């Protein structure tokens, strides 16, 4: 029994060798554990960086999209104010025409008992009403013109502050994720690219460049502003006599709104086969609102063509009464560069974030690059089925994340970055 037990008892040297193996194994386990912890920490830190960079890029791009939408709303407000000015000028022109027409009727019926007294009262009453309409409408025109200038100035201010606010939003978003996350040193190159993209995306259109604004305003006019024309029958005399009412308000060039209204008797020049020609002007009136009166005659829904004599009387009366010098014309507004292009265009915003730990051992830099785009997209198709291209007249700009481009990657990582060649 004693001899057998002695064989099982390990020697002192064997016990020492086992301890070495155990310690070595424990050291390996500790190293593996530390490596796993560090690796997991690196993965978590990298994911935090990616999330922070994505949020920063998307937040800045969202601000840019909202800025473009705000500018689009300002353009729409300018169009609405121009339409209001056109309506006020139309009302003044129509009121002046009615005043002159009633005055002419009063003159023609002054010798007729009772009828002359009635027309005298109506003419006097409308003359008083016309004074109120002229003053009130001019006040509307002045107010609308002032609002336009304010909107145009605000649009330029918003555009100038756009890149500054976007950059601050990106930095604030990174800080909100962690105080240790900040833009990398190379991010300054991306920031310069972001500013250049923003500066070149829209343009202020003045002078002859306001043609798109002019066309939009003209399309937005209401029926009363476009045309105040109709034909009056003369009963049994209709084959040889008729009364033509013509009137309309137009934007002459880019500066002057002018309205003309005329009423004339027309007679057929030949029995049943000739053309109707103006014979007797019955009424005329006009209004204009411009700092620099336009020399363009305008068409005014055929006024000059159908009632040339009455139109001449209205124009002379307009020149004699003077014009309201309170409207400087269409303001300069912003729109996308080259708005005639029929293609999609996007605005880019890129951010590179870096993790900066205080009092830590030197380690490979942890960085993340993110990219977001601002694009024009209607929430639903147009009712007429037509495709709408990007512009600053519709507030349909939105932001989304997008793959990093090769240009952005090379800008911050250099041309030797192995991923630069495969980045989209």
Protein backbone atom coordinates (compact mmCIF):
# COMPACT_ATOMS: atom_id res chain seq x y z
CA UNK A 1 0.00 0.00 0.00
CA UNK A 2 2.72 2.52 0.87
CA UNK A 3 4.72 1.66 -2.22
CA UNK A 4 1.65 2.14 -4.44
CA UNK A 5 0.80 5.55 -2.86
CA UNK A 6 4.34 6.76 -3.34
CA UNK A 7 4.06 6.11 -7.02
CA UNK A 8 1.00 8.48 -7.30
CA UNK A 9 2.55 11.41 -5.44
CA UNK A 10 4.02 13.94 -8.00
CA UNK A 11 7.50 15.09 -7.56
CA UNK A 12 8.39 18.70 -6.70
CA UNK A 13 9.82 19.39 -10.19
CA UNK A 14 6.65 18.13 -11.86
CA UNK A 15 4.49 20.38 -9.68
CA UNK A 16 6.57 23.42 -10.76
CA UNK A 17 6.24 22.56 -14.43
CA UNK A 18 2.43 22.30 -14.15
CA UNK A 19 2.26 25.70 -12.48
CA UNK A 20 4.19 27.27 -15.35
CA UNK A 21 1.79 25.79 -17.87
CA UNK A 22 -1.22 26.98 -15.86
CA UNK A 23 0.17 30.51 -15.54
CA UNK A 24 0.98 30.59 -19.23
CA UNK A 25 -2.51 29.43 -20.07
CA UNK A 26 -4.00 32.06 -17.77
CA UNK A 27 -1.83 34.71 -19.38
CA UNK A 28 -3.08 33.68 -22.80
CA UNK A 29 -6.67 33.79 -21.55
CA UNK A 30 -6.12 37.27 -20.09
CA UNK A 31 -4.53 38.45 -23.33
CA UNK A 32 -7.38 37.04 -25.35
CA UNK A 33 -9.89 38.64 -22.99
CA UNK A 34 -8.13 42.03 -23.15
CA UNK A 35 -7.91 41.78 -26.93
CA UNK A 36 -11.59 40.91 -27.12
CA UNK A 37 -12.50 43.83 -24.87
CA UNK A 38 -10.37 46.23 -26.88
CA UNK A 39 -11.70 44.86 -30.14
CA UNK A 40 -15.28 45.17 -28.92
CA UNK A 41 -14.57 48.66 -27.68
CA UNK A 42 -13.11 49.59 -31.06
CA UNK A 43 -16.17 48.19 -32.82
CA UNK A 44 -18.49 50.12 -30.50
CA UNK A 45 -16.45 53.31 -30.92
CA UNK A 46 -16.45 52.91 -34.70
CA UNK A 47 -20.20 52.39 -34.73
CA UNK A 48 -20.65 55.48 -32.56
CA UNK A 49 -18.50 57.42 -34.99
CA UNK A 50 -20.49 56.20 -37.99
CA UNK A 51 -23.79 57.05 -36.32
CA UNK A 52 -22.54 60.48 -35.29
CA UNK A 53 -21.16 61.27 -38.75
CA UNK A 54 -24.36 60.10 -40.45
CA UNK A 55 -26.49 62.18 -38.10
CA UNK A 56 -24.28 65.24 -38.58
CA UNK A 57 -24.34 65.02 -42.38
CA UNK A 58 -28.09 64.38 -42.46
CA UNK A 59 -28.79 67.21 -40.00
CA UNK A 60 -26.78 69.72 -42.02
CA UNK A 61 -28.36 68.58 -45.29
CA UNK A 62 -31.82 68.80 -43.72
CA UNK A 63 -31.11 72.41 -42.77
CA UNK A 64 -30.04 73.13 -46.36
CA UNK A 65 -33.22 71.51 -47.68
CA UNK A 66 -35.33 73.64 -45.34
CA UNK A 67 -33.42 76.74 -46.44
CA UNK A 68 -34.17 75.97 -50.09
CA UNK A 69 -37.83 75.38 -49.20
CA UNK A 70 -37.92 78.70 -47.32
CA UNK A 71 -36.55 80.45 -50.40
CA UNK A 72 -39.18 78.71 -52.52
CA UNK A 73 -41.92 79.96 -50.19
CA UNK A 74 -40.45 83.48 -50.45
CA UNK A 75 -40.56 83.26 -54.25
CA UNK A 76 -44.17 82.16 -54.06
CA UNK A 77 -44.95 85.05 -51.73
CA UNK A 78 -43.31 87.48 -54.17
CA UNK A 79 -45.44 86.05 -56.98
CA UNK A 80 -48.56 86.42 -54.83
CA UNK A 81 -47.71 90.05 -54.05
CA UNK A 82 -47.13 90.80 -57.73
CA UNK A 83 -50.52 89.30 -58.54
CA UNK A 84 -52.05 91.48 -55.80
CA UNK A 85 -50.45 94.56 -57.40
CA UNK A 86 -51.86 93.51 -60.78
CA UNK A 87 -55.32 93.09 -59.26
CA UNK A 88 -55.14 96.53 -57.64
CA UNK A 89 -54.07 98.15 -60.93
CA UNK A 90 -56.89 96.29 -62.70
CA UNK A 91 -59.42 97.59 -60.18
CA UNK A 92 -58.17 101.15 -60.56
CA UNK A 93 -58.30 100.90 -64.34
CA UNK A 94 -61.82 99.45 -64.33
CA UNK A 95 -63.03 102.03 -61.82
CA UNK A 96 -61.56 104.88 -63.86
CA UNK A 97 -63.19 103.44 -67.00
CA UNK A 98 -66.57 103.23 -65.30
CA UNK A 99 -66.25 106.79 -63.99
CA UNK A 100 -65.47 108.12 -67.48
CA UNK A 101 -68.21 106.04 -69.09
CA UNK A 102 -70.83 107.35 -66.63
CA UNK A 103 -69.59 110.88 -67.19
CA UNK A 104 -70.02 110.44 -70.97
CA UNK A 105 -73.51 108.98 -70.49
CA UNK A 106 -74.39 111.91 -68.22
CA UNK A 107 -73.31 114.34 -70.94
CA UNK A 108 -75.36 112.54 -73.60
CA UNK A 109 -78.51 112.39 -71.43
CA UNK A 110 -78.24 115.75 -69.72
CA UNK A 111 -81.05 117.24 -71.88
CA UNK A 112 -83.43 114.31 -71.28
CA UNK A 113 -85.88 115.00 -68.42
CA UNK A 114 -85.52 112.75 -65.38
CA UNK A 115 -82.97 110.53 -67.17
CA UNK A 116 -80.39 113.30 -67.07
CA UNK A 117 -80.91 113.82 -63.34
CA UNK A 118 -80.59 110.08 -62.66
CA UNK A 119 -77.40 109.71 -64.67
CA UNK A 120 -76.03 112.82 -62.98
CA UNK A 121 -76.58 111.28 -59.55
CA UNK A 122 -75.06 107.93 -60.57
CA UNK A 123 -72.04 109.63 -62.15
CA UNK A 124 -71.44 111.81 -59.09
CA UNK A 125 -71.78 108.83 -56.77
CA UNK A 126 -69.29 106.73 -58.70
CA UNK A 127 -66.84 109.63 -58.95
CA UNK A 128 -66.75 109.72 -55.16
CA UNK A 129 -66.39 105.93 -54.99
CA UNK A 130 -63.61 106.06 -57.57
CA UNK A 131 -61.58 108.40 -55.38
CA UNK A 132 -61.78 105.92 -52.52
CA UNK A 133 -60.89 102.99 -54.80
CA UNK A 134 -57.88 104.81 -56.27
CA UNK A 135 -56.48 105.67 -52.84
CA UNK A 136 -57.14 102.22 -51.34
CA UNK A 137 -55.76 100.34 -54.34
CA UNK A 138 -52.60 102.46 -54.36
CA UNK A 139 -52.12 101.65 -50.68
CA UNK A 140 -52.36 97.92 -51.51
CA UNK A 141 -49.82 98.34 -54.29
CA UNK A 142 -47.41 100.19 -52.02
CA UNK A 143 -47.74 97.60 -49.24
CA UNK A 144 -47.28 94.67 -51.61
CA UNK A 145 -44.24 96.30 -53.20
CA UNK A 146 -42.67 96.90 -49.77
CA UNK A 147 -43.28 93.29 -48.74
CA UNK A 148 -41.63 92.13 -51.96
CA UNK A 149 -38.46 94.09 -51.23
CA UNK A 150 -38.36 92.69 -47.70
CA UNK A 151 -38.79 89.14 -48.99
CA UNK A 152 -36.08 89.59 -51.61
CA UNK A 153 -33.67 90.88 -48.96
CA UNK A 154 -34.58 88.06 -46.56
CA UNK A 155 -33.97 85.53 -49.30
CA UNK A 156 -30.42 86.79 -49.80
CA UNK A 157 -29.79 86.83 -46.05
CA UNK A 158 -31.03 83.25 -45.65
CA UNK A 159 -28.85 82.13 -48.55
CA UNK A 160 -25.76 83.79 -47.05
CA UNK A 161 -26.34 82.17 -43.64
CA UNK A 162 -27.09 78.74 -45.09
CA UNK A 163 -23.56 77.22 -45.07
CA UNK A 164 -22.69 78.79 -41.71
CA UNK A 165 -25.77 77.34 -40.03
CA UNK A 166 -25.29 73.93 -41.68
CA UNK A 167 -21.69 73.68 -40.44
CA UNK A 168 -22.73 74.63 -36.89
CA UNK A 169 -25.52 72.03 -36.94
CA UNK A 170 -23.01 69.35 -38.02
CA UNK A 171 -20.60 70.24 -35.19
CA UNK A 172 -23.39 70.43 -32.61
CA UNK A 173 -24.70 67.04 -33.69
CA UNK A 174 -21.27 65.45 -33.23
CA UNK A 175 -20.94 66.99 -29.75
CA UNK A 176 -24.43 65.78 -28.83
CA UNK A 177 -23.37 62.19 -29.56
CA UNK A 178 -20.22 62.45 -27.43
CA UNK A 179 -17.84 65.18 -26.22
CA UNK A 180 -15.01 62.99 -27.55
CA UNK A 181 -16.33 63.14 -31.15
CA UNK A 182 -15.40 66.13 -33.27
CA UNK A 183 -14.69 66.97 -36.92
CA UNK A 184 -11.35 65.63 -38.07
CA UNK A 185 -8.53 67.88 -39.18
CA UNK A 186 -9.17 66.85 -42.78
CA UNK A 187 -12.83 67.82 -42.46
CA UNK A 188 -11.87 71.42 -43.26
CA UNK A 189 -11.35 70.33 -46.87
CA UNK A 190 -14.80 68.82 -46.97
CA UNK A 191 -16.26 71.95 -45.40
CA UNK A 192 -14.74 74.07 -48.17
CA UNK A 193 -16.28 71.70 -50.73
CA UNK A 194 -19.67 71.93 -48.95
CA UNK A 195 -19.59 75.75 -49.11
CA UNK A 196 -18.60 75.76 -52.79
CA UNK A 197 -21.46 73.37 -53.64
CA UNK A 198 -23.93 75.59 -51.79
CA UNK A 199 -22.66 78.83 -53.35
CA UNK A 200 -22.90 77.41 -56.85
CA UNK A 201 -26.25 75.67 -56.47
CA UNK A 202 -28.47 78.77 -56.72
CA UNK A 203 -28.11 82.14 -58.46
CA UNK A 204 -29.72 85.55 -57.96
CA UNK A 205 -31.52 86.55 -61.16
CA UNK A 206 -31.87 90.27 -61.90
CA UNK A 207 -32.37 92.31 -65.04
CA UNK A 208 -33.33 90.18 -68.03
CA UNK A 209 -32.75 87.09 -65.89
CA UNK A 210 -36.14 87.72 -64.27
CA UNK A 211 -37.95 86.22 -67.25
CA UNK A 212 -38.88 83.05 -65.36
CA UNK A 213 -40.32 85.10 -62.49
CA UNK A 214 -42.22 87.22 -65.01
CA UNK A 215 -43.69 84.16 -66.75
CA UNK A 216 -44.71 82.66 -63.40
CA UNK A 217 -46.44 85.88 -62.35
CA UNK A 218 -48.31 86.19 -65.65
CA UNK A 219 -49.49 82.59 -65.39
CA UNK A 220 -50.75 83.26 -61.85
CA UNK A 221 -53.03 86.17 -62.83
CA UNK A 222 -56.74 85.77 -62.15
CA UNK A 223 -59.43 86.09 -64.81
CA UNK A 224 -60.35 89.68 -63.96
CA UNK A 225 -56.73 90.77 -64.40
CA UNK A 226 -56.21 88.86 -67.64
CA UNK A 227 -59.36 89.90 -69.47
CA UNK A 228 -62.28 92.21 -68.84
CA UNK A 229 -63.70 91.90 -72.35
CA UNK A 230 -67.18 91.05 -73.61
CA UNK A 231 -69.48 91.88 -76.49
CA UNK A 232 -72.85 93.54 -76.01
CA UNK A 233 -75.67 92.84 -78.45
CA UNK A 234 -77.87 95.56 -79.90
CA UNK A 235 -81.01 93.53 -80.56
CA UNK A 236 -82.39 93.92 -84.07
CA UNK A 237 -79.39 96.06 -85.01
CA UNK A 238 -76.86 93.35 -84.13
CA UNK A 239 -76.10 92.51 -87.82
CA UNK A 240 -74.81 96.05 -88.37
CA UNK A 241 -74.07 97.46 -84.90
CA UNK A 242 -72.49 96.07 -81.77
CA UNK A 243 -70.78 97.32 -78.63
CA UNK A 244 -67.29 96.02 -77.81
CA UNK A 245 -65.87 96.11 -74.29
CA UNK A 246 -62.15 95.40 -74.10
CA UNK A 247 -59.79 95.47 -71.16
CA UNK A 248 -56.89 93.72 -69.49
CA UNK A 249 -53.82 94.28 -67.34
CA UNK A 250 -50.30 93.42 -68.46
CA UNK A 251 -46.79 93.48 -67.08
CA UNK A 252 -44.84 95.59 -69.56
CA UNK A 253 -41.25 94.42 -69.49
CA UNK A 254 -40.19 93.82 -65.89
CA UNK A 255 -41.15 97.15 -64.34
CA UNK A 256 -44.67 98.39 -65.11
CA UNK A 257 -48.16 97.02 -64.56
CA UNK A 258 -50.65 98.79 -66.81
CA UNK A 259 -54.39 98.28 -67.17
CA UNK A 260 -56.61 99.66 -69.93
CA UNK A 261 -60.40 99.43 -70.30
CA UNK A 262 -62.40 100.70 -73.28
CA UNK A 263 -65.96 100.61 -74.59
CA UNK A 264 -66.89 101.52 -78.18
CA UNK A 265 -69.73 101.21 -80.70
CA UNK A 266 -68.79 99.28 -83.85
CA UNK A 267 -70.53 99.43 -87.22
CA UNK A 268 -70.25 97.03 -90.10
CA UNK A 269 -68.58 98.75 -93.03
CA UNK A 270 -70.51 96.81 -95.68
CA UNK A 271 -74.05 95.47 -95.65
CA UNK A 272 -73.89 92.07 -93.89
CA UNK A 273 -70.51 91.26 -95.40
CA UNK A 274 -68.11 94.00 -94.31
CA UNK A 275 -65.97 94.15 -91.20
CA UNK A 276 -66.98 95.80 -87.97
CA UNK A 277 -65.01 98.95 -87.25
CA UNK A 278 -64.94 101.26 -84.25
CA UNK A 279 -67.20 104.28 -84.72
CA UNK A 280 -67.90 105.93 -81.35
CA UNK A 281 -65.82 105.60 -78.15
CA UNK A 282 -68.21 105.39 -75.20
CA UNK A 283 -65.84 104.92 -72.27
CA UNK A 284 -62.17 104.54 -71.40
CA UNK A 285 -59.89 104.32 -68.40
CA UNK A 286 -56.47 103.18 -67.33
CA UNK A 287 -54.03 102.76 -64.48
CA UNK A 288 -50.31 102.13 -64.15
CA UNK A 289 -47.99 101.51 -61.25
CA UNK A 290 -44.29 101.98 -61.94
CA UNK A 291 -41.33 104.10 -60.96
CA UNK A 292 -40.29 104.20 -64.61
CA UNK A 293 -43.35 104.23 -66.90
CA UNK A 294 -42.96 101.83 -69.80
CA UNK A 295 -43.20 103.00 -73.40
CA UNK A 296 -44.51 99.62 -74.50
CA UNK A 297 -48.16 99.83 -75.63
CA UNK A 298 -49.23 96.35 -74.54
CA UNK A 299 -52.18 94.43 -75.96
CA UNK A 300 -54.57 94.48 -72.99
CA UNK A 301 -56.71 91.69 -74.42
CA UNK A 302 -57.02 93.34 -77.85
CA UNK A 303 -57.86 96.83 -76.61
CA UNK A 304 -55.58 98.64 -79.05
CA UNK A 305 -56.56 96.36 -81.91
CA UNK A 306 -60.37 96.38 -81.40
CA UNK A 307 -60.93 99.84 -79.84
CA UNK A 308 -57.97 101.92 -81.05
CA UNK A 309 -59.65 105.32 -80.63
CA UNK A 310 -60.88 104.61 -77.12
CA UNK A 311 -57.47 103.14 -76.23
CA UNK A 312 -55.77 106.32 -77.38
CA UNK A 313 -58.10 108.41 -75.22
CA UNK A 314 -57.39 106.15 -72.22
CA UNK A 315 -53.63 106.40 -72.76
CA UNK A 316 -53.74 110.20 -73.04
CA UNK A 317 -55.86 110.46 -69.91
CA UNK A 318 -53.42 108.17 -68.09
CA UNK A 319 -50.47 110.33 -69.07
CA UNK A 320 -52.32 113.49 -68.08
CA UNK A 321 -53.31 112.19 -64.63
CA UNK A 322 -49.85 110.83 -63.89
CA UNK A 323 -48.78 107.46 -62.57
CA UNK A 324 -48.28 106.17 -59.06
CA UNK A 325 -44.50 106.06 -58.61
CA UNK A 326 -44.39 103.42 -55.87
CA UNK A 327 -43.55 100.12 -57.60
CA UNK A 328 -39.92 99.50 -58.66
CA UNK A 329 -40.82 96.42 -60.69
CA UNK A 330 -40.03 92.75 -60.24
CA UNK A 331 -37.32 92.19 -57.60
CA UNK A 332 -34.26 90.01 -58.07
CA UNK A 333 -34.94 86.48 -56.81
CA UNK A 334 -32.94 83.30 -56.43
CA UNK A 335 -33.40 80.10 -58.39
CA UNK A 336 -31.33 77.03 -59.20
CA UNK A 337 -28.45 77.54 -61.58
CA UNK A 338 -29.41 76.95 -65.21
CA UNK A 339 -33.12 76.36 -64.45
CA UNK A 340 -33.81 75.40 -68.08
CA UNK A 341 -31.90 72.13 -67.65
CA UNK A 342 -34.23 69.14 -67.71
CA UNK A 343 -32.35 66.93 -65.29
CA UNK A 344 -32.19 66.07 -61.63
CA UNK A 345 -29.63 67.90 -59.54
CA UNK A 346 -28.44 67.33 -55.99
CA UNK A 347 -26.67 69.31 -53.32
CA UNK A 348 -24.03 67.38 -51.34
CA UNK A 349 -22.92 67.68 -47.74
CA UNK A 350 -20.06 65.53 -46.34
CA UNK A 351 -18.75 65.16 -42.78
CA UNK A 352 -15.74 63.31 -41.38
CA UNK A 353 -15.82 62.66 -37.63
CA UNK A 354 -12.94 61.63 -35.39
CA UNK A 355 -12.80 60.12 -31.90
CA UNK A 356 -10.48 62.06 -29.58
CA UNK A 357 -9.83 60.43 -26.20
CA UNK A 358 -8.04 62.38 -23.50
CA UNK A 359 -5.27 60.66 -21.45
CA UNK A 360 -5.25 57.50 -23.53
CA UNK A 361 -2.40 55.52 -25.00
CA UNK A 362 -1.53 56.18 -28.64
CA UNK A 363 -3.82 54.24 -30.94
CA UNK A 364 -4.80 54.23 -34.62
CA UNK A 365 -7.07 57.14 -35.51
CA UNK A 366 -10.77 56.29 -35.48
CA UNK A 367 -12.56 58.22 -38.22
CA UNK A 368 -15.87 57.96 -40.07
CA UNK A 369 -16.91 59.64 -43.32
CA UNK A 370 -20.59 60.35 -44.11
CA UNK A 371 -22.41 61.93 -47.02
CA UNK A 372 -25.96 63.29 -47.40
CA UNK A 373 -27.67 64.83 -50.42
CA UNK A 374 -30.44 67.39 -50.86
CA UNK A 375 -32.73 66.56 -53.78
CA UNK A 376 -35.99 67.75 -55.31
CA UNK A 377 -38.83 65.25 -54.91
CA UNK A 378 -42.56 65.84 -54.94
CA UNK A 379 -44.47 63.95 -52.22
CA UNK A 380 -46.92 62.79 -54.88
CA UNK A 381 -47.17 63.09 -58.69
CA UNK A 382 -48.64 66.19 -60.30
CA UNK A 383 -52.33 66.10 -61.13
CA UNK A 384 -51.61 66.83 -64.78
CA UNK A 385 -49.11 63.97 -65.00
CA UNK A 386 -46.24 66.24 -66.04
CA UNK A 387 -42.78 65.85 -64.55
CA UNK A 388 -41.59 68.74 -62.41
CA UNK A 389 -37.91 69.55 -62.39
CA UNK A 390 -35.93 71.20 -59.56
CA UNK A 391 -36.59 74.89 -58.93
CA UNK A 392 -36.99 77.43 -56.15
CA UNK A 393 -40.65 77.93 -56.93
CA UNK A 394 -41.81 74.65 -55.33
CA UNK A 395 -40.89 73.69 -51.72
CA UNK A 396 -40.19 70.01 -52.37
CA UNK A 397 -36.55 69.75 -51.29
CA UNK A 398 -35.60 66.95 -48.88
CA UNK A 399 -32.44 65.35 -47.49
CA UNK A 400 -31.29 61.74 -47.34
CA UNK A 401 -28.08 59.80 -46.67
CA UNK A 402 -26.06 58.70 -49.71
CA UNK A 403 -22.89 56.66 -50.36
CA UNK A 404 -19.60 58.51 -50.00
CA UNK A 405 -18.19 59.58 -53.35
CA UNK A 406 -14.66 58.91 -54.58
CA UNK A 407 -14.03 62.65 -54.72
CA UNK A 408 -14.87 63.09 -51.04
CA UNK A 409 -12.84 60.06 -49.97
CA UNK A 410 -9.74 61.17 -51.88
CA UNK A 411 -10.11 64.67 -50.45
CA UNK A 412 -9.74 63.46 -46.83
CA UNK A 413 -7.89 60.13 -47.18
CA UNK A 414 -5.65 60.83 -50.16
CA UNK A 415 -5.33 59.14 -53.56
CA UNK A 416 -3.66 56.06 -52.02
CA UNK A 417 -6.78 55.09 -50.10
CA UNK A 418 -7.62 51.57 -51.39
CA UNK A 419 -11.35 52.30 -51.09
CA UNK A 420 -11.22 55.51 -53.13
CA UNK A 421 -11.20 53.67 -56.45
CA UNK A 422 -14.30 51.65 -55.63
CA UNK A 423 -16.29 54.36 -53.84
CA UNK A 424 -19.31 55.50 -55.87
